[in-house]
Amino acid sequence: MSRKHASSTRRYASNGGFPLAGIFHPKSRATPLLSVVLVIVGAFFFVGYFFKGSGVSGVDKEALSKIEGDYTCTFEVQRAIPILKKAYGDNMRKVLHVGPDSCSVVSALVKEEETEAWGVEPYDIEDADANCKSLVRKGIVRVADIKFPLPYRAKSFSLVIVSDALDYLSPKYLNKTLPDLARISADGLVIFTGYPGHLKAKVLELSKFGRPAKKRSSSWWIRFFVQTSLEENEAAVRKFEQAAAKSSYKPRCQVFHLNSYH
């Protein structure tokens, strides 16, 4: 499926001439159009402030994401990396991330000591940045349709992390994809998925993913895990919750910790 990002930058141009010249006369009254123009200019200065300098910080990107209403569980994975490290320890030595924007997660994971990171991007990345295209050329990130078995041997990775990918699959494909992800993991499978009623799909998502995201409840997922013979990783859940409490970390997505198939 093709995945294309639409730019959030809007361009505003004059219709030619000086149609607003009169409104600056002392005796002229401000028009609604002037108010709109001033708001637009102010918005550009505000956004420019966020991007000023060497780049947008993690906090700034989060703020902008929340403003636009497109907070993602893939971004949540990046926030949770320190907590995952404490919960899984040595089991994070070789990690596979599966989901949109996998390049960003891989780039964040490789900064961790003694962590080897790989990625699977489920959608085309025609508009990816140079860093992402480099990861794809090197084979570190693979573009693959996760509705079909991934070309990895059993237990190829110590830990498999999935975000923003399963929400777009119907149960028909989930029945194949989820067991396959458990197959290629040796020490665990972590799933980040949206809460029902939150992060609703926008029109843009229909063109990116072919279908809107289906936000399922925790009880739905638990029943599905039982049907596919996947068990909760109780030890990882306990360590994750303890580490989260110490760091005052509150996930904004549902997080499930599952055992790999043995």
Protein backbone atom coordinates (compact mmCIF):
# COMPACT_ATOMS: atom_id res chain seq x y z
CA MET A 1 0.00 0.00 0.00
CA SER A 2 1.24 3.50 -0.76
CA ARG A 3 1.93 5.78 2.13
CA LYS A 4 2.17 9.44 1.33
CA HIS A 5 2.50 12.25 3.81
CA ALA A 6 0.74 15.49 3.08
CA SER A 7 2.69 18.62 3.99
CA SER A 8 1.23 20.56 6.89
CA THR A 9 2.59 23.85 5.52
CA ARG A 10 0.04 26.02 3.78
CA ARG A 11 0.95 28.69 1.29
CA TYR A 12 -0.84 31.99 1.16
CA ALA A 13 -0.44 34.35 -1.80
CA SER A 14 -1.79 37.75 -2.67
CA ASN A 15 -4.31 38.12 -5.48
CA GLY A 16 -2.20 40.91 -6.96
CA GLY A 17 -2.45 44.68 -6.58
CA PHE A 18 -3.05 46.21 -3.15
CA PRO A 19 -6.60 45.26 -2.16
CA LEU A 20 -5.81 45.82 1.53
CA ALA A 21 -4.22 49.25 1.11
CA GLY A 22 -7.31 51.14 2.24
CA ILE A 23 -7.67 49.37 5.54
CA PHE A 24 -4.49 50.95 6.88
CA HIS A 25 -5.94 54.47 6.52
CA PRO A 26 -6.48 56.02 9.99
CA LYS A 27 -10.17 56.45 9.30
CA SER A 28 -10.67 52.94 8.01
CA ARG A 29 -12.20 50.22 10.15
CA ALA A 30 -10.46 46.82 10.47
CA THR A 31 -12.10 44.20 8.30
CA PRO A 32 -12.56 40.48 9.07
CA LEU A 33 -10.07 39.73 6.30
CA LEU A 34 -7.38 41.72 8.09
CA SER A 35 -8.00 39.74 11.27
CA VAL A 36 -7.59 36.49 9.38
CA VAL A 37 -4.33 37.70 7.79
CA LEU A 38 -2.94 38.76 11.17
CA VAL A 39 -3.83 35.38 12.70
CA ILE A 40 -2.10 33.57 9.82
CA VAL A 41 1.05 35.69 10.17
CA GLY A 42 1.08 35.08 13.91
CA ALA A 43 0.73 31.34 13.35
CA PHE A 44 3.73 31.32 11.01
CA PHE A 45 5.85 33.13 13.60
CA PHE A 46 4.71 30.64 16.26
CA VAL A 47 5.60 27.60 14.15
CA GLY A 48 8.86 29.23 13.09
CA TYR A 49 9.79 29.61 16.76
CA PHE A 50 9.42 25.87 17.29
CA PHE A 51 11.67 25.06 14.35
CA LYS A 52 14.25 27.75 15.07
CA GLY A 53 17.80 26.62 15.62
CA SER A 54 19.33 23.21 14.98
CA GLY A 55 16.03 21.38 14.87
CA VAL A 56 12.81 20.52 16.68
CA SER A 57 13.28 18.93 20.08
CA GLY A 58 11.31 15.87 21.19
CA VAL A 59 9.11 18.02 23.42
CA ASP A 60 8.44 20.50 20.62
CA LYS A 61 7.52 17.75 18.17
CA GLU A 62 5.16 16.31 20.74
CA ALA A 63 3.53 19.70 21.22
CA LEU A 64 3.09 20.21 17.50
CA SER A 65 1.77 16.69 17.10
CA LYS A 66 -0.83 17.25 19.80
CA ILE A 67 -1.85 20.54 18.18
CA GLU A 68 -2.40 18.80 14.86
CA GLY A 69 -4.17 15.89 16.55
CA ASP A 70 -1.96 13.22 15.01
CA TYR A 71 -0.10 11.87 18.05
CA THR A 72 1.10 8.39 17.12
CA CYS A 73 2.05 5.24 19.01
CA THR A 74 5.29 5.14 17.01
CA PHE A 75 6.27 8.38 18.73
CA GLU A 76 5.18 6.76 21.99
CA VAL A 77 7.68 3.93 21.39
CA GLN A 78 10.48 6.49 21.30
CA ARG A 79 9.30 7.97 24.60
CA ALA A 80 9.17 4.51 26.13
CA ILE A 81 12.67 3.32 25.12
CA PRO A 82 14.26 4.05 28.55
CA ILE A 83 11.40 2.19 30.27
CA LEU A 84 11.67 -0.74 27.86
CA LYS A 85 15.41 -0.94 28.52
CA LYS A 86 14.76 -1.27 32.24
CA ALA A 87 12.02 -3.85 31.71
CA TYR A 88 13.82 -6.06 29.19
CA GLY A 89 17.50 -5.46 29.98
CA ASP A 90 19.72 -7.75 27.91
CA ASN A 91 16.70 -8.89 25.87
CA MET A 92 16.95 -5.58 23.99
CA ARG A 93 20.25 -6.57 22.40
CA LYS A 94 18.67 -7.16 18.97
CA VAL A 95 15.38 -5.36 18.34
CA LEU A 96 13.03 -5.27 15.37
CA HIS A 97 10.53 -2.43 15.13
CA VAL A 98 7.52 -2.91 12.86
CA GLY A 99 5.34 0.04 11.90
CA PRO A 100 5.11 3.37 10.09
CA ASP A 101 8.07 5.72 10.56
CA SER A 102 10.22 2.76 11.57
CA CYS A 103 13.34 4.70 10.56
CA SER A 104 12.79 7.15 13.42
CA VAL A 105 12.49 4.33 15.97
CA VAL A 106 15.54 2.51 14.62
CA SER A 107 17.56 5.74 14.74
CA ALA A 108 16.56 6.21 18.39
CA LEU A 109 17.28 2.59 19.36
CA VAL A 110 20.78 2.48 17.88
CA LYS A 111 21.77 5.31 20.24
CA GLU A 112 21.31 2.89 23.12
CA GLU A 113 24.39 0.99 24.22
CA GLU A 114 24.66 -2.65 23.14
CA THR A 115 21.44 -2.45 21.12
CA GLU A 116 21.24 -3.60 17.51
CA ALA A 117 18.12 -2.26 15.79
CA TRP A 118 16.28 -3.20 12.61
CA GLY A 119 12.98 -2.07 11.13
CA VAL A 120 10.08 -3.03 8.91
CA GLU A 121 8.14 -0.22 7.24
CA PRO A 122 4.72 -1.56 6.09
CA TYR A 123 4.15 1.21 3.56
CA ASP A 124 6.01 2.85 0.70
CA ILE A 125 8.41 5.59 1.76
CA GLU A 126 8.68 7.67 -1.41
CA ASP A 127 8.89 10.90 0.60
CA ALA A 128 11.32 9.62 3.26
CA ASP A 129 14.28 11.77 4.30
CA ALA A 130 17.89 11.01 3.37
CA ASN A 131 18.61 9.20 6.64
CA CYS A 132 15.67 6.84 6.17
CA LYS A 133 16.55 6.10 2.56
CA SER A 134 20.09 5.31 3.69
CA LEU A 135 18.78 2.82 6.27
CA VAL A 136 16.69 1.17 3.56
CA ARG A 137 19.64 0.96 1.15
CA LYS A 138 21.74 -0.68 3.86
CA GLY A 139 19.00 -3.22 4.53
CA ILE A 140 18.56 -2.06 8.12
CA VAL A 141 14.99 -1.01 7.43
CA ARG A 142 12.94 -3.17 5.08
CA VAL A 143 9.77 -2.11 3.25
CA ALA A 144 7.41 -5.09 3.40
CA ASP A 145 3.69 -5.87 3.49
CA ILE A 146 3.11 -7.32 6.96
CA LYS A 147 -0.04 -9.13 5.83
CA PHE A 148 2.34 -11.78 4.54
CA PRO A 149 5.10 -13.72 6.38
CA LEU A 150 8.25 -11.69 6.92
CA PRO A 151 11.48 -13.13 5.42
CA TYR A 152 13.17 -13.80 8.76
CA ARG A 153 14.04 -17.08 10.44
CA ALA A 154 12.38 -18.08 13.70
CA LYS A 155 13.75 -16.20 16.73
CA SER A 156 15.80 -13.85 14.56
CA PHE A 157 15.32 -11.00 17.05
CA SER A 158 15.41 -10.94 20.82
CA LEU A 159 12.53 -8.44 20.96
CA VAL A 160 9.92 -7.33 18.40
CA ILE A 161 8.14 -4.00 18.94
CA VAL A 162 5.04 -3.12 16.90
CA SER A 163 3.27 0.25 16.68
CA ASP A 164 0.58 1.86 14.49
CA ALA A 165 0.43 -1.19 12.21
CA LEU A 166 -1.96 -3.75 13.67
CA ASP A 167 -4.73 -1.15 14.03
CA TYR A 168 -5.08 -1.14 10.25
CA LEU A 169 -5.39 -4.91 9.84
CA SER A 170 -8.64 -6.84 9.84
CA PRO A 171 -8.90 -9.95 12.05
CA LYS A 172 -8.38 -12.04 8.91
CA TYR A 173 -4.85 -10.70 8.49
CA LEU A 174 -4.17 -10.30 12.21
CA ASN A 175 -4.59 -14.07 12.54
CA LYS A 176 -1.55 -14.45 10.27
CA THR A 177 0.54 -11.38 11.07
CA LEU A 178 0.60 -11.55 14.86
CA PRO A 179 1.72 -15.21 15.08
CA ASP A 180 4.40 -14.46 12.48
CA LEU A 181 5.74 -11.59 14.60
CA ALA A 182 5.81 -13.88 17.63
CA ARG A 183 7.61 -16.49 15.54
CA ILE A 184 10.56 -14.24 14.71
CA SER A 185 10.97 -13.00 18.31
CA ALA A 186 12.98 -14.94 20.88
CA ASP A 187 12.34 -13.12 24.16
CA GLY A 188 9.15 -11.18 23.71
CA LEU A 189 6.73 -9.15 21.63
CA VAL A 190 5.63 -5.62 22.61
CA ILE A 191 2.56 -4.06 20.99
CA PHE A 192 1.70 -0.34 21.10
CA THR A 193 -1.84 0.33 19.92
CA GLY A 194 -4.32 3.18 20.19
CA TYR A 195 -7.12 3.52 22.71
CA PRO A 196 -10.73 3.32 21.46
CA GLY A 197 -12.20 6.79 21.00
CA HIS A 198 -8.74 8.38 20.80
CA LEU A 199 -6.55 9.26 17.82
CA LYS A 200 -9.43 8.92 15.39
CA ALA A 201 -8.52 8.35 11.77
CA LYS A 202 -8.56 11.41 9.55
CA VAL A 203 -9.35 11.57 5.86
CA LEU A 204 -5.61 11.66 5.12
CA GLU A 205 -5.17 8.22 6.68
CA LEU A 206 -7.54 6.68 4.15
CA SER A 207 -5.12 7.53 1.35
CA LYS A 208 -2.08 6.38 3.32
CA PHE A 209 -3.36 3.09 4.63
CA GLY A 210 -6.34 2.20 2.47
CA ARG A 211 -8.62 1.91 5.50
CA PRO A 212 -9.19 3.82 8.76
CA ALA A 213 -7.55 2.62 11.96
CA LYS A 214 -9.65 0.32 14.12
CA LYS A 215 -9.07 1.23 17.76
CA ARG A 216 -9.80 -1.88 19.80
CA SER A 217 -10.30 -2.22 23.54
CA SER A 218 -7.88 -4.05 25.82
CA SER A 219 -10.45 -6.78 26.40
CA TRP A 220 -10.74 -7.32 22.63
CA TRP A 221 -6.96 -7.67 22.33
CA ILE A 222 -6.74 -10.04 25.29
CA ARG A 223 -9.37 -12.32 23.77
CA PHE A 224 -7.51 -12.22 20.47
CA PHE A 225 -4.20 -13.11 22.14
CA VAL A 226 -5.83 -16.13 23.76
CA GLN A 227 -7.26 -17.24 20.41
CA THR A 228 -3.79 -17.09 18.83
CA SER A 229 -2.15 -18.91 21.79
CA LEU A 230 -0.15 -15.84 22.84
CA GLU A 231 0.45 -15.43 26.55
CA GLU A 232 1.09 -12.29 28.53
CA ASN A 233 4.70 -11.79 29.62
CA GLU A 234 3.91 -11.21 33.29
CA ALA A 235 7.52 -10.60 34.30
CA ALA A 236 7.96 -7.92 31.64
CA VAL A 237 4.63 -6.30 32.57
CA ARG A 238 5.70 -6.05 36.21
CA LYS A 239 9.13 -4.61 35.42
CA PHE A 240 7.68 -2.17 32.87
CA GLU A 241 5.10 -0.88 35.35
CA GLN A 242 7.71 -0.51 38.10
CA ALA A 243 10.09 1.39 35.82
CA ALA A 244 7.24 3.58 34.56
CA ALA A 245 6.16 4.45 38.10
CA LYS A 246 9.70 5.44 39.12
CA SER A 247 10.06 7.65 36.04
CA SER A 248 6.50 9.08 36.24
CA TYR A 249 5.95 7.75 32.74
CA LYS A 250 2.34 7.35 31.61
CA PRO A 251 1.90 5.73 28.18
CA ARG A 252 -0.60 7.40 25.87
CA CYS A 253 -1.16 4.18 23.99
CA GLN A 254 -2.09 0.68 25.11
CA VAL A 255 1.03 -1.41 25.69
CA PHE A 256 0.90 -5.21 25.65
CA HIS A 257 3.81 -7.48 26.58
CA LEU A 258 3.61 -10.98 25.15
CA ASN A 259 5.77 -14.10 25.32
CA SER A 260 7.30 -15.45 22.15
CA TYR A 261 6.30 -18.89 20.88
CA HIS A 262 8.43 -21.67 22.33
